[in-house]
Protein backbone atom coordinates (compact mmCIF):
# COMPACT_ATOMS: atom_id res chain seq x y z
CA UNK A 1 16.24 2.04 -34.58
CA UNK A 2 19.55 0.01 -35.24
CA UNK A 3 18.33 -1.72 -38.33
CA UNK A 4 20.30 -0.96 -41.63
CA UNK A 5 19.16 2.20 -43.37
CA UNK A 6 16.84 1.82 -46.41
CA UNK A 7 14.87 4.18 -49.02
CA UNK A 8 12.21 6.41 -47.70
CA UNK A 9 9.89 9.24 -49.30
CA UNK A 10 11.01 12.76 -49.52
CA UNK A 11 8.49 13.70 -46.50
CA UNK A 12 10.76 11.69 -43.85
CA UNK A 13 12.33 14.93 -42.15
CA UNK A 14 8.83 16.94 -42.21
CA UNK A 15 6.70 14.22 -40.92
CA UNK A 16 7.99 13.21 -37.38
CA UNK A 17 5.48 10.12 -37.07
CA UNK A 18 7.48 8.15 -39.54
CA UNK A 19 9.56 5.36 -37.95
CA UNK A 20 13.36 5.64 -38.03
CA UNK A 21 13.48 2.25 -39.46
CA UNK A 22 11.69 3.48 -42.94
CA UNK A 23 14.60 5.92 -43.57
CA UNK A 24 16.32 5.08 -46.70
CA UNK A 25 19.73 6.85 -47.35
CA UNK A 26 22.45 6.62 -44.65
CA UNK A 27 22.76 10.20 -44.31
CA UNK A 28 19.02 10.74 -43.76
CA UNK A 29 18.80 7.76 -41.33
CA UNK A 30 21.84 9.27 -39.23
CA UNK A 31 20.05 12.49 -39.14
CA UNK A 32 16.89 11.16 -37.98
CA UNK A 33 18.57 8.79 -35.56
CA UNK A 34 20.75 11.27 -34.07
CA UNK A 35 19.92 15.05 -34.81
CA UNK A 36 16.13 15.24 -35.57
CA UNK A 37 14.41 16.65 -32.49
CA UNK A 38 10.87 16.25 -34.31
CA UNK A 39 11.13 12.41 -33.96
CA UNK A 40 10.49 10.75 -30.77
CA UNK A 41 12.54 7.97 -29.47
CA UNK A 42 15.75 8.97 -31.15
CA UNK A 43 19.00 10.02 -29.61
CA UNK A 44 18.63 13.90 -30.35
CA UNK A 45 17.69 14.80 -26.89
CA UNK A 46 20.28 12.53 -25.32
CA UNK A 47 23.11 14.07 -27.24
CA UNK A 48 21.83 17.56 -26.60
CA UNK A 49 21.71 16.80 -22.69
CA UNK A 50 25.01 15.45 -22.64
CA UNK A 51 26.62 17.91 -24.63
CA UNK A 52 25.24 20.54 -22.27
CA UNK A 53 26.68 18.80 -19.33
CA UNK A 54 30.22 18.74 -21.02
CA UNK A 55 29.95 22.33 -21.66
CA UNK A 56 29.24 22.97 -18.02
CA UNK A 57 32.19 20.53 -16.92
CA UNK A 58 34.52 22.66 -19.08
CA UNK A 59 33.46 25.80 -17.12
CA UNK A 60 34.34 24.14 -14.04
CA UNK A 61 37.41 22.97 -15.30
CA UNK A 62 38.49 26.28 -16.28
CA UNK A 63 37.69 27.80 -12.85
CA UNK A 64 39.57 25.08 -11.39
CA UNK A 65 42.83 25.68 -13.72
CA UNK A 66 43.05 29.27 -12.14
CA UNK A 67 43.49 27.35 -8.70
CA UNK A 68 47.45 26.29 -8.71
CA UNK A 69 46.82 23.87 -5.79
CA UNK A 70 44.30 22.04 -7.88
CA UNK A 71 45.63 22.44 -11.24
CA UNK A 72 49.42 21.56 -10.67
CA UNK A 73 49.00 18.32 -9.24
CA UNK A 74 46.27 17.13 -12.00
CA UNK A 75 47.61 19.02 -14.86
CA UNK A 76 47.83 16.19 -17.06
CA UNK A 77 44.32 15.27 -16.14
CA UNK A 78 42.98 18.58 -17.13
CA UNK A 79 44.83 18.15 -20.49
CA UNK A 80 43.17 14.81 -21.24
CA UNK A 81 39.61 16.24 -20.47
CA UNK A 82 40.57 19.19 -22.68
CA UNK A 83 41.24 16.86 -25.45
CA UNK A 84 38.41 14.77 -24.95
CA UNK A 85 35.88 17.65 -24.95
CA UNK A 86 37.39 19.00 -28.11
CA UNK A 87 37.16 15.79 -29.80
CA UNK A 88 33.74 15.44 -28.83
CA UNK A 89 32.97 18.88 -29.76
CA UNK A 90 34.69 18.51 -33.30
CA UNK A 91 33.10 15.15 -34.00
CA UNK A 92 29.59 17.01 -33.21
CA UNK A 93 30.65 19.86 -35.43
CA UNK A 94 31.72 17.53 -38.63
CA UNK A 95 28.54 15.63 -38.30
CA UNK A 96 26.15 18.33 -38.35
CA UNK A 97 28.24 19.86 -41.24
CA UNK A 98 27.74 16.51 -43.09
CA UNK A 99 24.15 16.04 -42.24
CA UNK A 100 23.30 19.72 -43.17
CA UNK A 101 21.48 18.73 -46.45
CA UNK A 102 19.13 16.60 -44.26
CA UNK A 103 18.15 19.62 -42.13
CA UNK A 104 14.88 21.44 -43.17
CA UNK A 105 16.51 24.81 -42.37
CA UNK A 106 19.48 24.31 -44.91
CA UNK A 107 18.28 21.70 -47.37
CA UNK A 108 16.63 24.23 -49.80
CA UNK A 109 19.73 26.36 -50.06
CA UNK A 110 21.94 25.74 -53.19
CA UNK A 111 24.75 24.82 -51.06
CA UNK A 112 23.34 23.54 -47.76
CA UNK A 113 26.58 22.72 -45.95
CA UNK A 114 28.08 26.34 -46.66
CA UNK A 115 24.53 27.63 -45.44
CA UNK A 116 24.97 25.77 -42.24
CA UNK A 117 28.82 26.99 -41.78
CA UNK A 118 27.69 30.48 -41.79
CA UNK A 119 24.76 30.09 -39.59
CA UNK A 120 25.17 31.49 -35.92
CA UNK A 121 24.94 28.05 -34.28
CA UNK A 122 27.86 26.83 -36.87
CA UNK A 123 29.79 29.67 -35.85
CA UNK A 124 29.49 29.10 -32.08
CA UNK A 125 30.32 25.35 -32.75
CA UNK A 126 33.47 26.39 -34.52
CA UNK A 127 34.58 29.11 -32.04
CA UNK A 128 34.16 26.63 -29.49
CA UNK A 129 37.17 24.16 -31.05
CA UNK A 130 39.13 26.75 -33.20
CA UNK A 131 41.29 28.04 -30.45
CA UNK A 132 42.68 24.61 -29.54
CA UNK A 133 43.65 23.82 -33.30
CA UNK A 134 45.11 27.54 -33.86
CA UNK A 135 47.23 26.72 -30.92
CA UNK A 136 48.87 24.14 -32.76
CA UNK A 137 49.88 26.49 -35.39
CA UNK A 138 50.00 29.88 -33.85
CA UNK A 139 51.97 30.71 -30.65
CA UNK A 140 48.97 31.96 -28.22
CA UNK A 141 49.50 32.83 -24.82
CA UNK A 142 48.06 30.23 -22.66
CA UNK A 143 46.05 32.69 -20.60
CA UNK A 144 44.47 33.89 -23.82
CA UNK A 145 43.76 30.29 -24.63
CA UNK A 146 42.08 29.68 -21.57
CA UNK A 147 39.97 32.74 -21.82
CA UNK A 148 38.95 31.91 -25.55
CA UNK A 149 37.72 28.61 -24.16
CA UNK A 150 35.01 30.35 -22.07
CA UNK A 151 33.53 30.61 -25.57
CA UNK A 152 32.39 27.07 -25.10
CA UNK A 153 29.36 28.02 -23.00
CA UNK A 154 27.92 29.83 -26.13
CA UNK A 155 27.03 26.42 -27.34
CA UNK A 156 24.33 26.38 -24.71
CA UNK A 157 22.34 28.93 -26.90
CA UNK A 158 21.85 25.89 -29.33
CA UNK A 159 19.42 24.74 -26.74
CA UNK A 160 18.11 28.15 -25.39
CA UNK A 161 17.22 29.76 -28.79
CA UNK A 162 14.87 27.16 -29.94
CA UNK A 163 13.31 26.84 -26.58
CA UNK A 164 12.98 30.55 -26.41
CA UNK A 165 11.28 30.87 -29.91
CA UNK A 166 8.80 27.69 -28.62
CA UNK A 167 8.32 29.86 -25.36
CA UNK A 168 7.33 32.84 -27.45
CA UNK A 169 4.70 31.18 -29.63
CA UNK A 170 3.04 29.63 -26.83
CA UNK A 171 2.70 32.46 -24.83
CA UNK A 172 1.65 34.99 -27.77
CA UNK A 173 -0.86 37.76 -26.63
CA UNK A 174 -0.20 36.92 -22.71
CA UNK A 175 0.89 39.49 -20.32
CA UNK A 176 4.38 40.12 -19.01
CA UNK A 177 3.39 38.59 -15.48
CA UNK A 178 1.87 35.48 -17.09
CA UNK A 179 4.85 34.74 -19.34
CA UNK A 180 7.08 34.83 -16.19
CA UNK A 181 4.65 32.58 -14.37
CA UNK A 182 4.95 30.18 -17.52
CA UNK A 183 8.85 30.38 -17.01
CA UNK A 184 8.60 29.81 -13.15
CA UNK A 185 5.73 27.40 -12.53
CA UNK A 186 4.73 24.20 -14.57
CA UNK A 187 2.09 24.80 -16.93
CA UNK A 188 1.12 24.04 -20.74
CA UNK A 189 2.82 27.34 -21.63
CA UNK A 190 6.24 26.57 -20.35
CA UNK A 191 7.49 24.50 -22.83
CA UNK A 192 11.41 23.20 -22.84
CA UNK A 193 12.41 26.65 -21.55
CA UNK A 194 10.56 26.03 -18.09
CA UNK A 195 12.31 22.79 -18.04
CA UNK A 196 15.59 24.37 -18.74
CA UNK A 197 14.74 26.83 -15.66
CA UNK A 198 14.17 24.05 -13.41
CA UNK A 199 17.34 22.34 -14.51
CA UNK A 200 19.25 25.36 -13.86
CA UNK A 201 17.84 25.76 -10.28
CA UNK A 202 18.47 22.26 -9.56
CA UNK A 203 22.19 22.54 -10.81
CA UNK A 204 22.73 25.29 -8.69
CA UNK A 205 21.07 23.80 -5.55
CA UNK A 206 23.55 20.63 -6.10
CA UNK A 207 26.60 22.87 -6.54
CA UNK A 208 25.99 25.11 -3.84
CA UNK A 209 25.29 22.05 -1.30
CA UNK A 210 28.43 20.55 -2.57
CA UNK A 211 30.27 23.78 -1.81
CA UNK A 212 28.75 23.94 1.60
CA UNK A 213 29.94 20.36 2.36
CA UNK A 214 33.62 21.00 0.67
CA UNK A 215 33.86 24.22 2.92
CA UNK A 216 33.80 22.14 5.91
CA UNK A 217 37.08 20.58 5.08
CA UNK A 218 39.91 22.65 6.20
CA UNK A 219 42.18 21.91 3.65
CA UNK A 220 39.77 22.63 0.80
CA UNK A 221 38.39 25.60 2.44
CA UNK A 222 41.93 27.10 2.77
CA UNK A 223 42.46 26.70 -0.99
CA UNK A 224 39.11 27.78 -2.40
CA UNK A 225 38.02 30.30 0.13
CA UNK A 226 37.47 32.89 -2.36
CA UNK A 227 35.75 30.66 -4.71
CA UNK A 228 33.35 29.71 -2.01
CA UNK A 229 32.32 33.26 -1.26
CA UNK A 230 32.00 34.19 -4.94
CA UNK A 231 30.04 30.81 -5.47
CA UNK A 232 27.75 31.11 -2.59
CA UNK A 233 27.13 34.73 -3.49
CA UNK A 234 25.94 34.11 -6.87
CA UNK A 235 23.91 31.01 -5.48
CA UNK A 236 22.19 33.35 -3.18
CA UNK A 237 21.52 35.53 -6.21
CA UNK A 238 19.80 33.01 -8.18
CA UNK A 239 17.70 31.68 -5.31
CA UNK A 240 16.64 35.19 -4.31
CA UNK A 241 15.63 35.96 -7.83
CA UNK A 242 13.54 32.67 -7.97
CA UNK A 243 11.91 33.38 -4.80
CA UNK A 244 10.97 36.98 -5.87
CA UNK A 245 9.90 35.60 -9.28
CA UNK A 246 7.52 33.01 -7.54
CA UNK A 247 6.21 35.58 -5.27
CA UNK A 248 5.37 38.09 -8.24
CA UNK A 249 3.80 35.45 -10.32
CA UNK A 250 2.00 33.21 -8.00
CA UNK A 251 -1.09 35.26 -8.31
CA UNK A 252 -1.56 33.84 -11.79
CA UNK A 253 -1.87 30.29 -10.12
CA UNK A 254 -5.26 28.92 -9.15
CA UNK A 255 -6.00 29.49 -5.57
CA UNK A 256 -3.67 32.47 -5.22
CA UNK A 257 -5.68 34.99 -7.46
CA UNK A 258 -5.60 37.71 -4.75
CA UNK A 259 -2.92 40.19 -5.01
CA UNK A 260 -2.11 40.37 -1.17
CA UNK A 261 -3.77 37.00 0.31
CA UNK A 262 -2.74 34.94 -2.79
CA UNK A 263 1.02 36.05 -2.08
CA UNK A 264 0.48 35.40 1.79
CA UNK A 265 -1.02 32.11 1.11
CA UNK A 266 2.02 31.16 -0.85
CA UNK A 267 4.56 32.54 1.76
CA UNK A 268 3.05 30.08 4.25
CA UNK A 269 3.49 27.08 2.11
CA UNK A 270 6.17 24.50 2.69
CA UNK A 271 8.06 25.05 -0.57
CA UNK A 272 8.00 29.05 -0.05
CA UNK A 273 9.43 28.40 3.55
CA UNK A 274 12.17 26.32 2.04
CA UNK A 275 13.09 28.92 -0.62
CA UNK A 276 13.30 31.61 2.06
CA UNK A 277 15.53 29.42 4.53
CA UNK A 278 17.65 28.78 1.35
CA UNK A 279 18.75 32.51 1.32
CA UNK A 280 17.99 33.89 4.92
CA UNK A 281 21.16 32.79 6.48
CA UNK A 282 23.18 34.59 3.95
CA UNK A 283 21.34 37.94 4.65
CA UNK A 284 21.16 37.66 8.40
CA UNK A 285 24.95 37.20 8.55
CA UNK A 286 25.56 39.90 6.09
CA UNK A 287 23.60 42.39 8.04
CA UNK A 288 23.64 41.45 11.53
CA UNK A 289 27.14 40.02 12.04
CA UNK A 290 28.41 43.29 13.77
CA UNK A 291 25.73 42.39 16.54
CA UNK A 292 25.76 38.68 16.81
CA UNK A 293 27.89 35.77 16.03
CA UNK A 294 25.96 34.09 13.26
CA UNK A 295 28.55 31.71 11.60
CA UNK A 296 26.38 28.96 13.03
CA UNK A 297 23.72 29.93 10.38
CA UNK A 298 26.04 28.83 7.63
CA UNK A 299 25.15 25.14 8.15
CA UNK A 300 21.46 25.90 7.48
CA UNK A 301 22.51 26.50 4.06
CA UNK A 302 22.44 22.64 3.60
CA UNK A 303 18.56 23.22 3.94
CA UNK A 304 18.87 24.34 0.11
CA UNK A 305 18.89 20.77 -0.73
CA UNK A 306 15.04 20.59 0.30
CA UNK A 307 14.40 22.84 -2.66
CA UNK A 308 14.66 19.71 -4.93
CA UNK A 309 11.37 18.04 -3.22
CA UNK A 310 9.57 20.41 -5.41
CA UNK A 311 10.82 18.80 -8.56
CA UNK A 312 9.75 15.47 -7.66
CA UNK A 313 6.37 13.89 -6.86
CA UNK A 314 7.78 11.36 -4.47
CA UNK A 315 7.77 13.62 -1.34
CA UNK A 316 4.25 14.85 -2.03
CA UNK A 317 3.24 11.21 -2.32
CA UNK A 318 4.93 10.34 1.07
CA UNK A 319 3.28 13.31 2.72
CA UNK A 320 -0.10 11.83 1.64
CA UNK A 321 0.75 8.39 2.72
CA UNK A 322 1.80 9.72 6.33
CA UNK A 323 -1.18 11.86 6.61
CA UNK A 324 -3.64 9.02 5.46
CA UNK A 325 -1.74 6.39 7.78
CA UNK A 326 -1.21 8.70 10.74
CA UNK A 327 -3.75 6.90 13.03
CA UNK A 328 -2.13 3.77 12.86
CA UNK A 329 1.36 5.20 12.78
CA UNK A 330 0.40 7.35 15.97
CA UNK A 331 -0.43 4.13 17.57
CA UNK A 332 2.93 2.45 16.73
CA UNK A 333 4.85 5.43 17.72
CA UNK A 334 2.89 5.66 20.92
CA UNK A 335 4.09 2.01 21.63
CA UNK A 336 7.36 2.75 20.84
CA UNK A 337 7.63 5.70 23.08
CA UNK A 338 6.28 3.93 26.12
CA UNK A 339 8.78 0.93 25.28
CA UNK A 340 11.71 3.53 25.44
CA UNK A 341 10.57 5.06 28.61
CA UNK A 342 9.77 1.56 30.27
CA UNK A 343 13.43 0.37 29.11
CA UNK A 344 15.18 3.40 30.19
CA UNK A 345 13.54 3.20 33.62
CA UNK A 346 14.46 -0.62 33.88
CA UNK A 347 17.93 0.19 32.90
CA UNK A 348 18.24 2.85 35.33
CA UNK A 349 16.98 0.55 38.17
CA UNK A 350 19.28 -2.30 37.38
CA UNK A 351 22.31 -0.58 36.12
CA UNK A 352 22.61 2.69 38.28
CA UNK A 353 24.45 1.22 41.11
CA UNK A 354 26.79 -0.81 38.89
CA UNK A 355 27.38 2.14 36.49
CA UNK A 356 26.48 5.30 37.97
CA UNK A 357 28.47 7.31 35.25
CA UNK A 358 26.59 5.98 32.27
CA UNK A 359 23.38 5.17 33.98
CA UNK A 360 23.06 8.63 35.68
CA UNK A 361 19.39 9.14 35.42
CA UNK A 362 16.36 8.08 33.45
CA UNK A 363 16.73 10.57 30.85
CA UNK A 364 20.44 9.62 30.32
CA UNK A 365 19.32 5.95 30.14
CA UNK A 366 17.16 6.90 27.07
CA UNK A 367 19.72 7.18 24.78
CA UNK A 368 20.80 3.43 25.77
CA UNK A 369 17.24 2.42 25.36
CA UNK A 370 16.84 3.82 21.79
CA UNK A 371 19.74 2.09 20.45
CA UNK A 372 18.77 -1.13 22.15
CA UNK A 373 15.18 -1.21 20.85
CA UNK A 374 16.22 -0.20 17.44
CA UNK A 375 18.86 -2.99 17.47
CA UNK A 376 21.67 -0.67 16.80
CA UNK A 377 23.93 -1.34 19.87
CA UNK A 378 26.73 0.99 19.40
CA UNK A 379 28.42 -0.73 22.58
CA UNK A 380 29.39 2.31 24.07
CA UNK A 381 26.64 1.87 27.05
CA UNK A 382 25.86 -1.89 27.89
CA UNK A 383 24.53 -3.36 30.93
CA UNK A 384 26.94 -5.39 33.25
CA UNK A 385 24.28 -6.83 35.69
CA UNK A 386 22.63 -10.24 35.13
CA UNK A 387 19.16 -8.65 35.43
CA UNK A 388 20.17 -5.86 33.03
CA UNK A 389 21.47 -8.03 30.45
CA UNK A 390 18.69 -10.34 30.59
CA UNK A 391 16.58 -7.24 30.11
CA UNK A 392 18.55 -6.19 27.15
CA UNK A 393 17.86 -9.49 25.56
CA UNK A 394 14.15 -9.36 25.70
CA UNK A 395 13.89 -5.72 24.54
CA UNK A 396 16.33 -6.29 21.73
CA UNK A 397 14.04 -8.92 20.34
CA UNK A 398 10.99 -6.94 21.28
CA UNK A 399 12.47 -4.05 19.29
CA UNK A 400 13.05 -5.74 16.05
CA UNK A 401 9.15 -6.15 15.78
CA UNK A 402 8.09 -3.06 17.35
CA UNK A 403 10.58 -0.65 15.40
CA UNK A 404 9.74 -2.44 11.98
CA UNK A 405 5.94 -1.85 12.36
CA UNK A 406 6.18 1.95 11.16
CA UNK A 407 8.34 0.69 8.29
CA UNK A 408 6.27 -1.77 7.11
CA UNK A 409 3.17 0.55 7.32
CA UNK A 410 4.89 3.16 5.30
CA UNK A 411 6.24 0.60 2.77
CA UNK A 412 2.82 -0.75 2.20
CA UNK A 413 0.76 2.47 2.22
CA UNK A 414 3.45 4.12 -0.16
CA UNK A 415 2.88 1.33 -2.53
CA UNK A 416 -0.87 1.30 -2.26
CA UNK A 417 -0.64 5.13 -2.94
CA UNK A 418 1.31 4.73 -6.22
CA UNK A 419 -1.43 2.19 -7.13
CA UNK A 420 -4.10 4.79 -6.60
CA UNK A 421 -2.33 7.22 -8.44
CA UNK A 422 -1.74 5.28 -11.34
CA UNK A 423 -5.50 4.03 -11.29
CA UNK A 424 -6.39 7.98 -11.19
CA UNK A 425 -4.11 8.44 -14.26
CA UNK A 426 -5.90 5.34 -16.11
CA UNK A 427 -9.17 7.07 -15.35
CA UNK A 428 -8.15 10.45 -16.75
CA UNK A 429 -6.72 8.45 -19.83
CA UNK A 430 -10.36 7.05 -20.43
CA UNK A 431 -11.55 10.62 -20.48
CA UNK A 432 -8.85 11.94 -22.77
CA UNK A 433 -9.25 9.12 -24.97
CA UNK A 434 -13.10 9.53 -25.27
CA UNK A 435 -12.71 10.99 -28.63
CA UNK A 436 -10.31 8.24 -29.82
CA UNK A 437 -7.14 10.41 -29.63
CA UNK A 438 -4.93 12.64 -27.55
CA UNK A 439 -4.63 16.40 -28.10
CA UNK A 440 -1.32 18.43 -27.73
CA UNK A 441 -2.79 19.73 -24.48
CA UNK A 442 -3.89 16.35 -23.20
CA UNK A 443 -0.51 14.67 -23.94
CA UNK A 444 1.22 17.76 -22.31
CA UNK A 445 -0.94 16.88 -19.30
CA UNK A 446 -0.13 13.14 -19.47
CA UNK A 447 3.49 13.92 -19.72
CA UNK A 448 3.58 15.81 -16.59
CA UNK A 449 1.58 13.03 -14.78
CA UNK A 450 3.96 10.33 -16.05
CA UNK A 451 7.11 12.30 -15.07
CA UNK A 452 5.35 12.70 -11.50
CA UNK A 453 4.80 9.08 -11.31
CA UNK A 454 8.23 8.09 -12.52
CA UNK A 455 6.52 6.22 -15.47
CA UNK A 456 8.75 5.57 -18.45
CA UNK A 457 7.66 6.22 -21.96
CA UNK A 458 7.07 2.56 -22.67
CA UNK A 459 4.95 2.19 -19.52
CA UNK A 460 2.68 5.22 -20.94
CA UNK A 461 2.43 3.64 -24.15
CA UNK A 462 1.27 0.43 -22.46
CA UNK A 463 -1.19 2.27 -20.39
CA UNK A 464 -2.63 3.80 -23.46
CA UNK A 465 -2.77 0.47 -25.38
CA UNK A 466 -4.55 -1.08 -22.40
CA UNK A 467 -7.40 1.66 -22.13
CA UNK A 468 -7.74 1.31 -25.87
CA UNK A 469 -8.12 -2.42 -25.48
CA UNK A 470 -10.52 -1.80 -22.65
CA UNK A 471 -12.42 0.64 -24.41
CA UNK A 472 -12.85 -1.68 -27.56
CA UNK A 473 -13.91 -4.69 -25.08
CA UNK A 474 -16.41 -2.45 -23.35
CA UNK A 475 -17.92 -1.26 -26.73
CA UNK A 476 -18.08 -4.92 -27.93
CA UNK A 477 -20.27 -5.40 -24.73
CA UNK A 478 -22.50 -2.19 -24.78
CA UNK A 479 -22.59 -1.10 -28.41
CA UNK A 480 -20.78 1.14 -30.55
CA UNK A 481 -21.46 4.86 -29.70
CA UNK A 482 -23.80 6.39 -32.44
CA UNK A 483 -21.34 9.45 -32.78
CA UNK A 484 -18.57 7.00 -33.84
CA UNK A 485 -21.01 4.93 -36.25
CA UNK A 486 -21.99 8.41 -37.91
CA UNK A 487 -18.15 9.23 -38.52
CA UNK A 488 -17.38 5.67 -39.92
CA UNK A 489 -20.08 4.51 -42.40
CA UNK A 490 -18.29 1.16 -43.00
CA UNK A 491 -18.28 0.59 -39.21
CA UNK A 492 -22.13 1.58 -39.45
CA UNK A 493 -23.01 -1.08 -42.05
CA UNK A 494 -21.11 -3.64 -40.00
CA UNK A 495 -23.07 -2.71 -37.03
CA UNK A 496 -26.57 -2.89 -39.10
CA UNK A 497 -25.65 -6.30 -40.29
CA UNK A 498 -24.82 -7.43 -36.66
CA UNK A 499 -27.96 -6.05 -35.39
CA UNK A 500 -30.14 -7.42 -38.23
CA UNK A 501 -28.60 -10.96 -37.57
CA UNK A 502 -29.60 -10.64 -33.82
CA UNK A 503 -33.06 -9.74 -34.81
CA UNK A 504 -33.28 -12.83 -37.10
CA UNK A 505 -32.26 -14.99 -34.31
CA UNK A 506 -34.69 -13.75 -32.23
CA UNK A 507 -37.57 -14.35 -34.95
CA UNK A 508 -36.52 -17.78 -35.34
CA UNK A 509 -36.14 -18.92 -31.53
CA UNK A 510 -39.24 -17.11 -30.37
CA UNK A 511 -42.94 -18.26 -30.75
CA UNK A 512 -44.06 -16.88 -33.93
CA UNK A 513 -47.73 -16.57 -33.26
CA UNK A 514 -47.16 -14.96 -29.94
CA UNK A 515 -44.51 -12.38 -31.20
CA UNK A 516 -46.97 -11.71 -34.41
CA UNK A 517 -49.87 -10.72 -31.82
CA UNK A 518 -47.43 -8.77 -29.57
CA UNK A 519 -46.15 -6.77 -32.47
CA UNK A 520 -49.52 -5.89 -34.07
CA UNK A 521 -51.10 -4.91 -30.87
CA UNK A 522 -48.07 -2.89 -29.62
CA UNK A 523 -48.70 0.84 -29.76
CA UNK A 524 -44.93 1.41 -28.95
CA UNK A 525 -43.63 0.35 -32.30
CA UNK A 526 -43.95 2.36 -35.45
CA UNK A 527 -45.39 1.09 -38.76
CA UNK A 528 -41.69 0.93 -40.17
CA UNK A 529 -40.69 -1.21 -37.24
CA UNK A 530 -43.82 -3.48 -37.55
CA UNK A 531 -43.18 -4.13 -41.35
CA UNK A 532 -39.47 -4.98 -40.70
CA UNK A 533 -40.49 -7.42 -38.22
CA UNK A 534 -43.18 -9.06 -40.69
CA UNK A 535 -40.20 -9.21 -43.06
CA UNK A 536 -37.98 -10.81 -40.87
């Protein structure tokens, strides 16, 4: 991908399977390297992702610029960030303008660059940077300039509109609820729009949790009190809408087909409970604040962070591991609890008279027992008697091993579970590659499984290559399938020659008289097979 550009045929752009190293002209090589979304392995998605993040960062910068306590001390940094943003957006616009003749949407026009400049996407890109340059020649009110910079958010439509068109094609002929289900739930009908929906929810989860954390800082809360209220209200609206969409569309999922029982089953699931807890504190405080002081519920907004667990397979793997290893885990937990109680009892026995304020009773001694066995040792409670200190040394050494057992079990079981799931993926690959290639639907399933198992594209390609090699080796041992021989006459001829050679070897090595007698007397051979043997 970093080799020098060289000449290629005219169908480079329309054929996404051509390697980037085969690109000929510099302009076409740059287009395929940077902007062609049809070619896998280039920087197109990387550029789109970081431009989208830069747009979101600009939106937050505009919000903070309206807070004098934040903007005034760091005005120079805000200005530098704006310069960098405009510079990146300008380079992107000029690059797309230069490479417009290579874009299949504009290359057939008489003036490709003019056709691009008049397109909606190009106008959006131009509007995003034009106010900055106009301000250098025209006297523009600073507040108006900031308002015009909000138009940069329109650049996100460059990602959303193609994804929306793809979504419409995938869901053509499906019902409204099925389309919403494809948007909210992972499926082969979601496409990139579903990925953007998940990313949108994840961004709001991170932003809302960060706001809850910063709200606990008195100085920050004093400055951004109104912004925190607006942000939390918007976040609750987003999460509430997501929860309602999932409740409405879950009946399209397998196992939830019934209109009432399916939704009730989903309501009792862990992910639905987490989604409900993410918004429940807001509504309880809003409607019941005149009856109870419910401000303590605000801390439960941090439960929104658990919403991120549905977007990764690691937590599901961990739950499977704990469930599978629970018999062993429960035994180790029982030993740990037994040691904690015994340690607390002995600590109370030896230290109560010397330190009645710290070792007041056995329940109070449990705190000391846990930090001793866990080898934490904060030092706020420590024995002073000889027997107490001797017992502490022994228990601390025991705790190193006892408390390490659950961690070792979880670590080993987690690695084992990942191995099992990857072997399962290998078995699925054998089924997918039974016909010799991966269909679009099979590749989509493979990508979702690889994402869940945190496999990179290179690792997936290595797995596919390994499966193909093992299949080829197995075919060499067991014989090539008849269906494949029928499809490939050249392969069928080679197979015939191989089998004929093996029969000749048998004829040369076996006893001629005995084999001739068996062939002539056998009623299992046809006349054609007998003639073939006699010829050999």
